[in-house]
Amino acid sequence: METETRTEIIEATNRALCEHGYAGLTMKRIAAESSMTTAAIHYHFDTKEELLNAFLDDLIERFEQKLDCDASDPRERLNSFLDAVFSPPEPDTEGFPVAIMELKAQSPYHTLFRERFLDLDEVMREVVTDIVKDGIEAGHFEETDPAEVARLVTTVSNGAHARTVALGEQAEETRQVLEHTLELHLGWTPGSEVIA
């Protein structure tokens, strides 16, 4: 499949998912958000689940790019990670957090969705584990179990998403709680690093 065609379908899926949610998502509504016909979309993706799996793959890839930080200082990298995870959604994706929550709710019934969310979880854990290991080695963080900290950060991040969608709580509130907890685990005060 051509990259442009795939991109158009994925972007149309995103818009339709944000507008109609998982239950209201159909190939017809995805086609209405693109310049393609329903038949053309079916040519590339046999089922809605197959298309959503590709959508989630794209989501993971974009999230990995968002997490990519060139800083060598692990404290800067951790701040950058928290910025990426807790940044408010862009105005044109207002329905996106709800749509993702709906897809997560389908994970017990759709193995492909569950696998994609496990992949996303693994990406987050690996990034945090590496940051914590590097911070301990550099003497910026206290000795601790990097995998345990990564699990904590990932769990709190997922909880923040659920609280934002279900309760309308601002993600920044949860970030502050997480930062305080990281201070206790790592001996690091967020924002305390000197940036040249």
N, C-alpha and C. Protein backbone atom coordinates (compact mmCIF):
# COMPACT_ATOMS: atom_id res chain seq x y z
N MET A 1 0.85 -1.17 0.00
CA MET A 1 0.00 0.00 0.00
C MET A 1 0.90 1.24 0.00
N GLU A 2 0.53 2.22 -0.80
CA GLU A 2 1.29 3.47 -0.85
C GLU A 2 1.21 4.18 0.50
N THR A 3 2.31 4.83 0.86
CA THR A 3 2.37 5.54 2.14
C THR A 3 1.30 6.62 2.24
N GLU A 4 1.10 7.37 1.15
CA GLU A 4 0.10 8.45 1.17
C GLU A 4 -1.31 7.91 1.40
N THR A 5 -1.62 6.78 0.76
CA THR A 5 -2.94 6.18 0.92
C THR A 5 -3.14 5.71 2.35
N ARG A 6 -2.13 5.02 2.88
CA ARG A 6 -2.20 4.53 4.26
C ARG A 6 -2.37 5.71 5.22
N THR A 7 -1.58 6.76 5.03
CA THR A 7 -1.65 7.93 5.90
C THR A 7 -3.04 8.55 5.84
N GLU A 8 -3.60 8.67 4.65
CA GLU A 8 -4.94 9.25 4.51
C GLU A 8 -5.98 8.42 5.25
N ILE A 9 -5.89 7.11 5.12
CA ILE A 9 -6.86 6.23 5.79
C ILE A 9 -6.71 6.31 7.31
N ILE A 10 -5.48 6.30 7.78
CA ILE A 10 -5.22 6.36 9.23
C ILE A 10 -5.71 7.70 9.79
N GLU A 11 -5.42 8.79 9.10
CA GLU A 11 -5.88 10.11 9.56
C GLU A 11 -7.40 10.21 9.54
N ALA A 12 -8.03 9.64 8.52
CA ALA A 12 -9.50 9.64 8.45
C ALA A 12 -10.08 8.80 9.59
N THR A 13 -9.42 7.69 9.90
CA THR A 13 -9.85 6.84 11.02
C THR A 13 -9.78 7.62 12.32
N ASN A 14 -8.70 8.35 12.50
CA ASN A 14 -8.53 9.16 13.71
C ASN A 14 -9.67 10.17 13.84
N ARG A 15 -9.96 10.89 12.76
CA ARG A 15 -11.03 11.90 12.81
C ARG A 15 -12.39 11.24 13.09
N ALA A 16 -12.67 10.14 12.41
CA ALA A 16 -13.96 9.46 12.60
C ALA A 16 -14.08 8.88 14.00
N LEU A 17 -12.98 8.35 14.52
CA LEU A 17 -12.98 7.79 15.86
C LEU A 17 -13.21 8.88 16.90
N CYS A 18 -12.56 10.02 16.72
CA CYS A 18 -12.75 11.15 17.65
C CYS A 18 -14.18 11.67 17.61
N GLU A 19 -14.77 11.69 16.44
CA GLU A 19 -16.11 12.25 16.29
C GLU A 19 -17.21 11.27 16.71
N HIS A 20 -17.05 9.97 16.36
CA HIS A 20 -18.14 9.01 16.56
C HIS A 20 -17.87 7.97 17.64
N GLY A 21 -16.63 7.89 18.12
CA GLY A 21 -16.29 6.87 19.11
C GLY A 21 -16.21 5.49 18.49
N TYR A 22 -15.80 4.53 19.29
CA TYR A 22 -15.62 3.16 18.78
C TYR A 22 -16.94 2.57 18.30
N ALA A 23 -17.99 2.71 19.11
CA ALA A 23 -19.28 2.10 18.77
C ALA A 23 -19.87 2.67 17.49
N GLY A 24 -19.60 3.94 17.22
CA GLY A 24 -20.16 4.57 16.03
C GLY A 24 -19.22 4.58 14.83
N LEU A 25 -18.07 3.93 14.98
CA LEU A 25 -17.09 3.93 13.90
C LEU A 25 -17.45 2.88 12.84
N THR A 26 -17.59 3.34 11.60
CA THR A 26 -17.87 2.43 10.48
C THR A 26 -16.94 2.80 9.33
N MET A 27 -16.79 1.87 8.41
CA MET A 27 -15.97 2.15 7.23
C MET A 27 -16.58 3.30 6.43
N LYS A 28 -17.90 3.40 6.45
CA LYS A 28 -18.59 4.48 5.74
C LYS A 28 -18.21 5.83 6.35
N ARG A 29 -18.17 5.91 7.67
CA ARG A 29 -17.81 7.17 8.32
C ARG A 29 -16.33 7.50 8.12
N ILE A 30 -15.50 6.47 8.06
CA ILE A 30 -14.08 6.71 7.77
C ILE A 30 -13.94 7.24 6.35
N ALA A 31 -14.66 6.65 5.42
CA ALA A 31 -14.62 7.11 4.03
C ALA A 31 -15.09 8.56 3.91
N ALA A 32 -16.11 8.92 4.71
CA ALA A 32 -16.63 10.29 4.68
C ALA A 32 -15.58 11.30 5.15
N GLU A 33 -14.62 10.85 5.94
CA GLU A 33 -13.55 11.71 6.45
C GLU A 33 -12.35 11.75 5.51
N SER A 34 -12.44 11.00 4.40
CA SER A 34 -11.32 10.94 3.45
C SER A 34 -11.82 11.22 2.04
N SER A 35 -10.92 11.13 1.09
CA SER A 35 -11.31 11.30 -0.32
C SER A 35 -11.55 9.94 -0.98
N MET A 36 -11.63 8.90 -0.16
CA MET A 36 -11.76 7.54 -0.68
C MET A 36 -13.18 7.00 -0.50
N THR A 37 -13.48 5.99 -1.24
CA THR A 37 -14.77 5.31 -1.09
C THR A 37 -14.62 4.20 -0.05
N THR A 38 -15.75 3.72 0.43
CA THR A 38 -15.74 2.60 1.37
C THR A 38 -15.08 1.39 0.73
N ALA A 39 -15.38 1.15 -0.54
CA ALA A 39 -14.79 0.00 -1.26
C ALA A 39 -13.27 0.12 -1.33
N ALA A 40 -12.78 1.35 -1.54
CA ALA A 40 -11.33 1.56 -1.62
C ALA A 40 -10.67 1.28 -0.27
N ILE A 41 -11.32 1.68 0.80
CA ILE A 41 -10.77 1.40 2.13
C ILE A 41 -10.79 -0.10 2.40
N HIS A 42 -11.89 -0.77 2.02
CA HIS A 42 -11.97 -2.22 2.19
C HIS A 42 -10.91 -2.94 1.35
N TYR A 43 -10.51 -2.35 0.25
CA TYR A 43 -9.45 -2.94 -0.58
C TYR A 43 -8.14 -3.05 0.21
N HIS A 44 -7.90 -2.04 1.07
CA HIS A 44 -6.67 -2.01 1.85
C HIS A 44 -6.80 -2.69 3.21
N PHE A 45 -8.00 -2.65 3.78
CA PHE A 45 -8.25 -3.25 5.10
C PHE A 45 -9.56 -4.03 5.03
N ASP A 46 -9.48 -5.33 5.26
CA ASP A 46 -10.67 -6.19 5.16
C ASP A 46 -11.72 -5.86 6.22
N THR A 47 -11.26 -5.57 7.44
CA THR A 47 -12.20 -5.35 8.53
C THR A 47 -11.87 -4.07 9.29
N LYS A 48 -12.82 -3.61 10.06
CA LYS A 48 -12.62 -2.44 10.91
C LYS A 48 -11.53 -2.75 11.94
N GLU A 49 -11.52 -3.98 12.48
CA GLU A 49 -10.52 -4.36 13.48
C GLU A 49 -9.11 -4.31 12.88
N GLU A 50 -8.98 -4.78 11.64
CA GLU A 50 -7.68 -4.74 10.97
C GLU A 50 -7.22 -3.29 10.78
N LEU A 51 -8.13 -2.43 10.40
CA LEU A 51 -7.82 -1.01 10.23
C LEU A 51 -7.44 -0.37 11.57
N LEU A 52 -8.19 -0.69 12.63
CA LEU A 52 -7.88 -0.14 13.94
C LEU A 52 -6.54 -0.65 14.46
N ASN A 53 -6.19 -1.87 14.12
CA ASN A 53 -4.88 -2.40 14.49
C ASN A 53 -3.78 -1.58 13.82
N ALA A 54 -3.95 -1.25 12.55
CA ALA A 54 -2.98 -0.40 11.84
C ALA A 54 -2.96 0.99 12.46
N PHE A 55 -4.12 1.50 12.84
CA PHE A 55 -4.22 2.80 13.50
C PHE A 55 -3.42 2.80 14.80
N LEU A 56 -3.55 1.72 15.59
CA LEU A 56 -2.82 1.62 16.85
C LEU A 56 -1.32 1.48 16.61
N ASP A 57 -0.94 0.75 15.58
CA ASP A 57 0.49 0.66 15.22
C ASP A 57 1.04 2.05 14.93
N ASP A 58 0.27 2.84 14.17
CA ASP A 58 0.68 4.19 13.84
C ASP A 58 0.76 5.06 15.10
N LEU A 59 -0.20 4.88 16.00
CA LEU A 59 -0.22 5.61 17.25
C LEU A 59 1.05 5.33 18.06
N ILE A 60 1.44 4.07 18.14
CA ILE A 60 2.64 3.69 18.88
C ILE A 60 3.88 4.32 18.25
N GLU A 61 3.94 4.27 16.93
CA GLU A 61 5.09 4.85 16.22
C GLU A 61 5.19 6.36 16.49
N ARG A 62 4.05 7.05 16.43
CA ARG A 62 4.06 8.50 16.69
C ARG A 62 4.42 8.80 18.15
N PHE A 63 3.95 7.95 19.05
CA PHE A 63 4.25 8.16 20.47
C PHE A 63 5.74 7.93 20.72
N GLU A 64 6.32 6.93 20.08
CA GLU A 64 7.77 6.70 20.21
C GLU A 64 8.55 7.93 19.73
N GLN A 65 8.10 8.54 18.64
CA GLN A 65 8.77 9.74 18.14
C GLN A 65 8.61 10.89 19.13
N LYS A 66 7.44 11.00 19.75
CA LYS A 66 7.19 12.04 20.74
C LYS A 66 8.09 11.86 21.96
N LEU A 67 8.40 10.60 22.30
CA LEU A 67 9.24 10.31 23.46
C LEU A 67 10.73 10.46 23.16
N ASP A 68 11.07 10.52 21.88
CA ASP A 68 12.48 10.61 21.49
C ASP A 68 13.06 11.94 21.98
N CYS A 69 14.09 11.84 22.80
CA CYS A 69 14.71 13.03 23.37
C CYS A 69 16.21 12.91 23.18
N ASP A 70 16.81 13.95 22.60
CA ASP A 70 18.24 13.94 22.31
C ASP A 70 19.10 14.28 23.52
N ALA A 71 18.51 14.72 24.60
CA ALA A 71 19.28 15.14 25.77
C ALA A 71 20.07 13.97 26.34
N SER A 72 21.27 14.26 26.79
CA SER A 72 22.08 13.21 27.40
C SER A 72 21.79 13.11 28.90
N ASP A 73 21.35 14.19 29.51
CA ASP A 73 21.07 14.20 30.94
C ASP A 73 19.77 13.43 31.20
N PRO A 74 19.84 12.35 32.00
CA PRO A 74 18.63 11.56 32.26
C PRO A 74 17.51 12.34 32.93
N ARG A 75 17.87 13.38 33.69
CA ARG A 75 16.84 14.20 34.34
C ARG A 75 16.05 14.98 33.30
N GLU A 76 16.74 15.49 32.29
CA GLU A 76 16.05 16.18 31.19
C GLU A 76 15.18 15.20 30.42
N ARG A 77 15.71 14.00 30.21
CA ARG A 77 14.94 12.99 29.47
C ARG A 77 13.68 12.59 30.23
N LEU A 78 13.79 12.49 31.57
CA LEU A 78 12.61 12.15 32.37
C LEU A 78 11.59 13.28 32.31
N ASN A 79 12.04 14.51 32.41
CA ASN A 79 11.12 15.65 32.27
C ASN A 79 10.44 15.64 30.90
N SER A 80 11.22 15.37 29.86
CA SER A 80 10.69 15.32 28.50
C SER A 80 9.65 14.21 28.37
N PHE A 81 9.93 13.06 28.97
CA PHE A 81 8.98 11.94 28.96
C PHE A 81 7.68 12.36 29.63
N LEU A 82 7.78 12.98 30.81
CA LEU A 82 6.57 13.40 31.54
C LEU A 82 5.80 14.45 30.76
N ASP A 83 6.53 15.36 30.08
CA ASP A 83 5.86 16.34 29.22
C ASP A 83 5.06 15.65 28.12
N ALA A 84 5.67 14.65 27.50
CA ALA A 84 5.01 13.93 26.40
C ALA A 84 3.77 13.18 26.88
N VAL A 85 3.88 12.55 28.03
CA VAL A 85 2.77 11.72 28.54
C VAL A 85 1.63 12.57 29.10
N PHE A 86 1.98 13.66 29.77
CA PHE A 86 0.96 14.44 30.45
C PHE A 86 0.54 15.71 29.73
N SER A 87 1.04 15.93 28.52
CA SER A 87 0.63 17.13 27.79
C SER A 87 -0.84 17.00 27.39
N PRO A 88 -1.57 18.11 27.46
CA PRO A 88 -2.99 18.06 27.08
C PRO A 88 -3.13 17.75 25.59
N PRO A 89 -4.24 17.13 25.21
CA PRO A 89 -4.43 16.82 23.79
C PRO A 89 -4.55 18.10 22.97
N GLU A 90 -4.15 18.00 21.72
CA GLU A 90 -4.24 19.15 20.82
C GLU A 90 -5.72 19.42 20.55
N PRO A 91 -6.07 20.70 20.31
CA PRO A 91 -7.48 21.05 20.12
C PRO A 91 -8.18 20.25 19.01
N ASP A 92 -7.46 19.91 17.95
CA ASP A 92 -8.11 19.19 16.85
C ASP A 92 -8.29 17.71 17.15
N THR A 93 -7.81 17.26 18.32
CA THR A 93 -7.99 15.86 18.70
C THR A 93 -8.73 15.77 20.03
N GLU A 94 -9.66 16.66 20.24
CA GLU A 94 -10.35 16.75 21.51
C GLU A 94 -10.99 15.43 21.93
N GLY A 95 -11.56 14.69 20.99
CA GLY A 95 -12.20 13.42 21.32
C GLY A 95 -11.24 12.26 21.39
N PHE A 96 -9.97 12.49 21.12
CA PHE A 96 -9.00 11.41 21.03
C PHE A 96 -8.82 10.63 22.34
N PRO A 97 -8.67 11.29 23.50
CA PRO A 97 -8.52 10.51 24.74
C PRO A 97 -9.69 9.57 25.00
N VAL A 98 -10.90 10.03 24.70
CA VAL A 98 -12.08 9.18 24.89
C VAL A 98 -12.03 8.01 23.92
N ALA A 99 -11.67 8.28 22.68
CA ALA A 99 -11.60 7.21 21.67
C ALA A 99 -10.59 6.14 22.07
N ILE A 100 -9.44 6.57 22.58
CA ILE A 100 -8.42 5.60 23.02
C ILE A 100 -8.93 4.79 24.20
N MET A 101 -9.64 5.45 25.12
CA MET A 101 -10.21 4.72 26.26
C MET A 101 -11.21 3.68 25.79
N GLU A 102 -12.00 4.01 24.77
CA GLU A 102 -12.95 3.05 24.23
C GLU A 102 -12.22 1.85 23.61
N LEU A 103 -11.11 2.12 22.93
CA LEU A 103 -10.34 1.01 22.34
C LEU A 103 -9.72 0.16 23.44
N LYS A 104 -9.23 0.80 24.51
CA LYS A 104 -8.69 0.02 25.64
C LYS A 104 -9.78 -0.87 26.23
N ALA A 105 -10.99 -0.35 26.30
CA ALA A 105 -12.10 -1.14 26.86
C ALA A 105 -12.43 -2.35 25.99
N GLN A 106 -12.06 -2.30 24.71
CA GLN A 106 -12.29 -3.43 23.81
C GLN A 106 -11.18 -4.48 23.88
N SER A 107 -10.08 -4.14 24.52
CA SER A 107 -8.91 -5.03 24.57
C SER A 107 -9.20 -6.43 25.12
N PRO A 108 -10.06 -6.58 26.13
CA PRO A 108 -10.35 -7.94 26.60
C PRO A 108 -11.02 -8.82 25.55
N TYR A 109 -11.62 -8.20 24.54
CA TYR A 109 -12.37 -8.94 23.53
C TYR A 109 -11.65 -9.02 22.19
N HIS A 110 -10.61 -8.20 22.00
CA HIS A 110 -9.88 -8.15 20.74
C HIS A 110 -8.38 -8.32 21.02
N THR A 111 -7.88 -9.49 20.70
CA THR A 111 -6.48 -9.79 20.97
C THR A 111 -5.55 -8.78 20.30
N LEU A 112 -5.87 -8.37 19.07
CA LEU A 112 -5.01 -7.42 18.37
C LEU A 112 -4.91 -6.09 19.12
N PHE A 113 -6.03 -5.61 19.63
CA PHE A 113 -6.01 -4.36 20.39
C PHE A 113 -5.17 -4.53 21.65
N ARG A 114 -5.39 -5.64 22.36
CA ARG A 114 -4.63 -5.90 23.59
C ARG A 114 -3.14 -5.91 23.30
N GLU A 115 -2.76 -6.57 22.22
CA GLU A 115 -1.34 -6.65 21.85
C GLU A 115 -0.76 -5.26 21.57
N ARG A 116 -1.53 -4.40 20.89
CA ARG A 116 -1.03 -3.06 20.60
C ARG A 116 -0.84 -2.25 21.88
N PHE A 117 -1.80 -2.36 22.81
CA PHE A 117 -1.68 -1.62 24.06
C PHE A 117 -0.56 -2.19 24.93
N LEU A 118 -0.33 -3.50 24.85
CA LEU A 118 0.83 -4.09 25.54
C LEU A 118 2.13 -3.57 24.93
N ASP A 119 2.14 -3.43 23.60
CA ASP A 119 3.32 -2.86 22.93
C ASP A 119 3.58 -1.44 23.40
N LEU A 120 2.53 -0.65 23.49
CA LEU A 120 2.65 0.74 23.95
C LEU A 120 3.17 0.79 25.38
N ASP A 121 2.64 -0.08 26.21
CA ASP A 121 3.08 -0.18 27.60
C ASP A 121 4.57 -0.54 27.66
N GLU A 122 4.98 -1.48 26.82
CA GLU A 122 6.38 -1.91 26.79
C GLU A 122 7.30 -0.78 26.35
N VAL A 123 6.88 -0.01 25.36
CA VAL A 123 7.66 1.14 24.90
C VAL A 123 7.88 2.11 26.06
N MET A 124 6.81 2.42 26.78
CA MET A 124 6.90 3.36 27.90
C MET A 124 7.83 2.81 28.98
N ARG A 125 7.67 1.55 29.31
CA ARG A 125 8.50 0.95 30.36
C ARG A 125 9.98 0.94 29.98
N GLU A 126 10.26 0.60 28.73
CA GLU A 126 11.66 0.57 28.29
C GLU A 126 12.30 1.95 28.37
N VAL A 127 11.57 2.97 27.94
CA VAL A 127 12.10 4.33 27.97
C VAL A 127 12.41 4.74 29.41
N VAL A 128 11.46 4.52 30.32
CA VAL A 128 11.66 4.93 31.71
C VAL A 128 12.77 4.10 32.36
N THR A 129 12.79 2.81 32.10
CA THR A 129 13.85 1.95 32.66
C THR A 129 15.22 2.45 32.26
N ASP A 130 15.38 2.76 30.97
CA ASP A 130 16.67 3.26 30.48
C ASP A 130 17.04 4.59 31.13
N ILE A 131 16.08 5.48 31.26
CA ILE A 131 16.32 6.78 31.88
C ILE A 131 16.79 6.60 33.33
N VAL A 132 16.07 5.75 34.07
CA VAL A 132 16.41 5.56 35.48
C VAL A 132 17.79 4.91 35.62
N LYS A 133 18.06 3.89 34.81
CA LYS A 133 19.39 3.25 34.85
C LYS A 133 20.49 4.28 34.59
N ASP A 134 20.30 5.09 33.55
CA ASP A 134 21.31 6.10 33.21
C ASP A 134 21.46 7.13 34.33
N GLY A 135 20.33 7.50 34.95
CA GLY A 135 20.38 8.47 36.04
C GLY A 135 21.09 7.93 37.27
N ILE A 136 20.93 6.65 37.55
CA ILE A 136 21.63 6.03 38.68
C ILE A 136 23.13 5.98 38.38
N GLU A 137 23.47 5.53 37.17
CA GLU A 137 24.89 5.45 36.78
C GLU A 137 25.57 6.81 36.81
N ALA A 138 24.85 7.86 36.45
CA ALA A 138 25.42 9.21 36.43
C ALA A 138 25.42 9.87 37.81
N GLY A 139 24.80 9.21 38.79
CA GLY A 139 24.76 9.77 40.14
C GLY A 139 23.67 10.81 40.36
N HIS A 140 22.74 10.92 39.42
CA HIS A 140 21.64 11.88 39.55
C HIS A 140 20.47 11.31 40.35
N PHE A 141 20.31 9.98 40.30
CA PHE A 141 19.21 9.32 40.99
C PHE A 141 19.77 8.37 42.03
N GLU A 142 19.01 8.17 43.10
CA GLU A 142 19.39 7.21 44.13
C GLU A 142 19.22 5.80 43.59
N GLU A 143 19.90 4.87 44.21
CA GLU A 143 19.82 3.45 43.82
C GLU A 143 18.39 2.96 44.03
N THR A 144 17.82 2.37 43.02
CA THR A 144 16.46 1.84 43.08
C THR A 144 16.31 0.82 41.96
N ASP A 145 15.18 0.16 41.90
CA ASP A 145 14.91 -0.81 40.84
C ASP A 145 14.29 -0.07 39.65
N PRO A 146 15.05 0.11 38.55
CA PRO A 146 14.53 0.86 37.40
C PRO A 146 13.25 0.26 36.81
N ALA A 147 13.14 -1.07 36.80
CA ALA A 147 11.94 -1.70 36.24
C ALA A 147 10.72 -1.42 37.11
N GLU A 148 10.92 -1.36 38.43
CA GLU A 148 9.82 -1.06 39.35
C GLU A 148 9.34 0.38 39.16
N VAL A 149 10.29 1.31 39.00
CA VAL A 149 9.94 2.71 38.76
C VAL A 149 9.19 2.84 37.43
N ALA A 150 9.66 2.12 36.41
CA ALA A 150 9.01 2.17 35.10
C ALA A 150 7.58 1.65 35.18
N ARG A 151 7.38 0.59 35.95
CA ARG A 151 6.02 0.05 36.11
C ARG A 151 5.13 1.07 36.82
N LEU A 152 5.67 1.71 37.85
CA LEU A 152 4.93 2.73 38.57
C LEU A 152 4.53 3.88 37.64
N VAL A 153 5.49 4.39 36.88
CA VAL A 153 5.23 5.53 35.99
C VAL A 153 4.19 5.16 34.95
N THR A 154 4.31 3.98 34.37
CA THR A 154 3.36 3.54 33.35
C THR A 154 1.96 3.36 33.93
N THR A 155 1.89 2.78 35.11
CA THR A 155 0.59 2.57 35.76
C THR A 155 -0.07 3.90 36.09
N VAL A 156 0.70 4.83 36.63
CA VAL A 156 0.14 6.14 36.97
C VAL A 156 -0.27 6.89 35.70
N SER A 157 0.51 6.77 34.64
CA SER A 157 0.17 7.43 33.36
C SER A 157 -1.16 6.90 32.83
N ASN A 158 -1.33 5.58 32.87
CA ASN A 158 -2.59 4.99 32.42
C ASN A 158 -3.74 5.42 33.32
N GLY A 159 -3.49 5.47 34.62
CA GLY A 159 -4.52 5.92 35.55
C GLY A 159 -4.91 7.38 35.31
N ALA A 160 -3.91 8.20 34.99
CA ALA A 160 -4.18 9.61 34.70
C ALA A 160 -5.09 9.73 33.48
N HIS A 161 -4.82 8.91 32.47
CA HIS A 161 -5.66 8.93 31.26
C HIS A 161 -7.10 8.57 31.63
N ALA A 162 -7.27 7.52 32.42
CA ALA A 162 -8.61 7.10 32.82
C ALA A 162 -9.31 8.18 33.64
N ARG A 163 -8.59 8.80 34.57
CA ARG A 163 -9.19 9.84 35.42
C ARG A 163 -9.55 11.08 34.60
N THR A 164 -8.73 11.40 33.61
CA THR A 164 -9.03 12.55 32.76
C THR A 164 -10.30 12.30 31.96
N VAL A 165 -10.39 11.11 31.36
CA VAL A 165 -11.55 10.79 30.51
C VAL A 165 -12.82 10.59 31.35
N ALA A 166 -12.71 9.79 32.40
CA ALA A 166 -13.91 9.43 33.16
C ALA A 166 -14.35 10.51 34.15
N LEU A 167 -13.38 11.21 34.75
CA LEU A 167 -13.72 12.13 35.84
C LEU A 167 -13.48 13.60 35.51
N GLY A 168 -12.87 13.85 34.34
CA GLY A 168 -12.59 15.23 33.96
C GLY A 168 -11.44 15.85 34.74
N GLU A 169 -10.66 15.02 35.41
CA GLU A 169 -9.53 15.53 36.18
C GLU A 169 -8.40 15.94 35.25
N GLN A 170 -7.75 17.04 35.56
CA GLN A 170 -6.63 17.50 34.75
C GLN A 170 -5.43 16.58 34.97
N ALA A 171 -4.79 16.18 33.88
CA ALA A 171 -3.63 15.28 33.97
C ALA A 171 -2.50 15.90 34.77
N GLU A 172 -2.43 17.22 34.78
CA GLU A 172 -1.37 17.92 35.52
C GLU A 172 -1.42 17.58 37.01
N GLU A 173 -2.63 17.38 37.55
CA GLU A 173 -2.76 17.02 38.96
C GLU A 173 -2.08 15.68 39.24
N THR A 174 -2.30 14.72 38.37
CA THR A 174 -1.68 13.40 38.54
C THR A 174 -0.18 13.48 38.31
N ARG A 175 0.23 14.32 37.37
CA ARG A 175 1.67 14.48 37.13
C ARG A 175 2.35 14.98 38.41
N GLN A 176 1.74 15.93 39.11
CA GLN A 176 2.34 16.45 40.34
C GLN A 176 2.48 15.35 41.39
N VAL A 177 1.48 14.50 41.50
CA VAL A 177 1.54 13.38 42.44
C VAL A 177 2.67 12.43 42.03
N LEU A 178 2.77 12.14 40.75
CA LEU A 178 3.82 11.25 40.26
C LEU A 178 5.20 11.85 40.50
N GLU A 179 5.36 13.14 40.22
CA GLU A 179 6.65 13.78 40.44
C GLU A 179 7.05 13.71 41.91
N HIS A 180 6.10 13.90 42.81
CA HIS A 180 6.40 13.79 44.24
C HIS A 180 6.85 12.36 44.57
N THR A 181 6.17 11.38 44.01
CA THR A 181 6.53 9.98 44.24
C THR A 181 7.91 9.68 43.67
N LEU A 182 8.22 10.24 42.51
CA LEU A 182 9.54 10.02 41.92
C LEU A 182 10.63 10.67 42.77
N GLU A 183 10.31 11.80 43.40
CA GLU A 183 11.27 12.42 44.33
C GLU A 183 11.62 11.43 45.44
N LEU A 184 10.61 10.73 45.95
CA LEU A 184 10.84 9.77 47.03
C LEU A 184 11.66 8.57 46.55
N HIS A 185 11.38 8.09 45.34
CA HIS A 185 12.08 6.92 44.80
C HIS A 185 13.48 7.24 44.28
N LEU A 186 13.62 8.40 43.68
CA LEU A 186 14.87 8.71 42.97
C LEU A 186 15.74 9.75 43.68
N GLY A 187 15.18 10.45 44.65
CA GLY A 187 15.93 11.55 45.27
C GLY A 187 16.15 12.68 44.29
N TRP A 188 15.21 12.86 43.39
CA TRP A 188 15.32 13.86 42.31
C TRP A 188 14.15 14.81 42.39
N THR A 189 14.45 16.09 42.35
CA THR A 189 13.40 17.09 42.32
C THR A 189 13.19 17.52 40.87
N PRO A 190 12.01 17.26 40.30
CA PRO A 190 11.77 17.64 38.90
C PRO A 190 12.05 19.11 38.65
N GLY A 191 12.76 19.38 37.57
CA GLY A 191 13.09 20.74 37.19
C GLY A 191 14.32 21.28 37.89
N SER A 192 15.00 20.43 38.69
CA SER A 192 16.15 20.91 39.45
C SER A 192 17.45 20.90 38.64
N GLU A 193 17.43 20.22 37.51
CA GLU A 193 18.65 20.13 36.71
C GLU A 193 18.98 21.48 36.08
N VAL A 194 20.24 21.72 35.88
CA VAL A 194 20.69 22.96 35.21
C VAL A 194 20.77 22.65 33.73
N ILE A 195 20.01 23.39 32.93
CA ILE A 195 20.02 23.18 31.48
C ILE A 195 20.86 24.25 30.84
N ALA A 196 21.89 23.82 30.12
CA ALA A 196 22.82 24.78 29.49
C ALA A 196 22.22 25.38 28.25
